Protein backbone atom coordinates (compact mmCIF):
# COMPACT_ATOMS: atom_id res chain seq x y z
CA UNK A 1 -234.36 104.90 -26.98
CA UNK A 2 -236.80 103.74 -24.48
CA UNK A 3 -235.65 100.21 -25.12
CA UNK A 4 -232.14 101.10 -24.01
CA UNK A 5 -233.35 102.84 -20.95
CA UNK A 6 -235.50 99.93 -19.86
CA UNK A 7 -232.74 97.38 -20.18
CA UNK A 8 -230.17 99.68 -18.52
CA UNK A 9 -227.90 99.85 -21.55
CA UNK A 10 -227.79 103.34 -22.89
CA UNK A 11 -225.36 104.68 -25.45
CA UNK A 12 -223.50 106.47 -22.65
CA UNK A 13 -223.15 103.21 -20.74
CA UNK A 14 -221.85 101.41 -23.79
CA UNK A 15 -219.41 104.23 -24.56
CA UNK A 16 -218.33 104.33 -20.93
CA UNK A 17 -217.70 100.58 -20.89
CA UNK A 18 -215.90 100.76 -24.26
CA UNK A 19 -213.71 103.59 -22.93
CA UNK A 20 -212.99 101.67 -19.75
CA UNK A 21 -212.08 98.56 -21.75
CA UNK A 22 -209.86 100.63 -24.03
CA UNK A 23 -208.18 102.20 -21.00
CA UNK A 24 -207.62 98.84 -19.35
CA UNK A 25 -206.38 97.38 -22.63
CA UNK A 26 -204.00 100.30 -23.13
CA UNK A 27 -202.75 99.96 -19.58
CA UNK A 28 -202.17 96.24 -20.12
CA UNK A 29 -200.33 96.88 -23.39
CA UNK A 30 -198.20 99.58 -21.81
CA UNK A 31 -197.54 97.35 -18.80
CA UNK A 32 -196.64 94.45 -21.08
CA UNK A 33 -194.28 96.64 -23.09
CA UNK A 34 -192.71 97.97 -19.90
CA UNK A 35 -192.34 94.44 -18.52
CA UNK A 36 -190.72 93.35 -21.78
CA UNK A 37 -188.25 96.25 -21.55
CA UNK A 38 -187.46 95.40 -17.94
CA UNK A 39 -186.82 91.76 -18.89
CA UNK A 40 -184.57 92.81 -21.79
CA UNK A 41 -182.63 95.16 -19.53
CA UNK A 42 -182.35 92.43 -16.90
CA UNK A 43 -181.00 90.00 -19.49
CA UNK A 44 -178.46 92.55 -20.74
CA UNK A 45 -177.40 93.29 -17.18
CA UNK A 46 -177.05 89.56 -16.44
CA UNK A 47 -174.77 89.16 -19.44
CA UNK A 48 -172.73 92.21 -18.40
CA UNK A 49 -172.41 90.88 -14.84
CA UNK A 50 -171.25 87.53 -16.22
CA UNK A 51 -168.60 89.25 -18.34
CA UNK A 52 -167.46 91.32 -15.37
CA UNK A 53 -167.24 88.20 -13.21
CA UNK A 54 -165.07 86.53 -15.84
CA UNK A 55 -162.81 89.58 -16.03
CA UNK A 56 -162.55 89.72 -12.24
CA UNK A 57 -161.59 86.04 -12.08
CA UNK A 58 -158.85 86.62 -14.68
CA UNK A 59 -157.61 89.65 -12.73
CA UNK A 60 -157.71 87.67 -9.48
CA UNK A 61 -155.53 84.97 -11.04
CA UNK A 62 -153.13 87.66 -12.27
CA UNK A 63 -153.14 89.21 -8.80
CA UNK A 64 -152.38 85.82 -7.25
CA UNK A 65 -149.51 85.35 -9.71
CA UNK A 66 -148.19 88.83 -8.89
CA UNK A 67 -148.39 88.06 -5.17
CA UNK A 68 -146.32 84.91 -5.74
CA UNK A 69 -143.80 86.90 -7.76
CA UNK A 70 -143.56 89.58 -5.08
CA UNK A 71 -143.11 86.97 -2.35
CA UNK A 72 -140.39 85.34 -4.43
CA UNK A 73 -138.63 88.67 -4.96
CA UNK A 74 -138.84 89.45 -1.24
CA UNK A 75 -137.24 86.07 -0.47
CA UNK A 76 -134.49 86.71 -3.01
CA UNK A 77 -133.85 90.18 -1.55
CA UNK A 78 -133.70 88.74 1.96
CA UNK A 79 -131.29 86.01 0.86
CA UNK A 80 -129.14 88.58 -0.96
CA UNK A 81 -128.96 90.74 2.17
CA UNK A 82 -127.95 87.74 4.27
CA UNK A 83 -125.29 86.80 1.71
CA UNK A 84 -123.97 90.38 1.67
CA UNK A 85 -123.62 90.38 5.46
CA UNK A 86 -121.78 87.05 5.36
CA UNK A 87 -119.51 88.40 2.62
CA UNK A 88 -118.74 91.53 4.66
CA UNK A 89 -117.91 89.33 7.64
CA UNK A 90 -115.60 87.17 5.51
CA UNK A 91 -113.86 90.23 4.02
CA UNK A 92 -113.34 91.64 7.51
CA UNK A 93 -111.81 88.33 8.63
CA UNK A 94 -109.54 88.31 5.55
CA UNK A 95 -108.44 91.87 6.31
CA UNK A 96 -107.57 90.80 9.86
CA UNK A 97 -105.66 87.79 8.56
CA UNK A 98 -103.80 89.94 6.03
CA UNK A 99 -102.85 92.41 8.74
CA UNK A 100 -101.48 89.58 10.89
CA UNK A 101 -99.55 88.10 7.95
CA UNK A 102 -98.18 91.56 7.10
CA UNK A 103 -96.98 92.01 10.68
CA UNK A 104 -95.38 88.58 10.67
CA UNK A 105 -93.59 89.35 7.39
CA UNK A 106 -92.36 92.69 8.74
CA UNK A 107 -90.93 90.97 11.83
CA UNK A 108 -89.29 88.34 9.65
CA UNK A 109 -87.78 91.06 7.45
CA UNK A 110 -86.49 92.93 10.49
CA UNK A 111 -84.95 89.72 11.92
CA UNK A 112 -83.34 88.95 8.58
CA UNK A 113 -82.09 92.53 8.34
CA UNK A 114 -80.57 92.30 11.84
CA UNK A 115 -78.73 89.08 10.99
CA UNK A 116 -77.09 90.53 7.93
């Protein structure tokens, strides 16, 4: 044992160094495993984000199409309202014309009735 003491390498020193190396090795293994898990999770998340981006792009195109459809329907509704107002105006004018024609016919009938 004196040999170990003289050189500075005792059994306790060797065991201490072996324990320290084992601890460092274990920490490195655990850190490597953890890093591997983080990379796997990151890859899975990247794939999921890509899928979500694709779905969002499809939904955006559907939304754009729906916006075009809604704008088209609003234009049709506006045109229909304008047409309805024009039709009401025309019907009102026809009613006025019919009333005038009716009055004229009544006067003609009364003049014909007076002559007979």
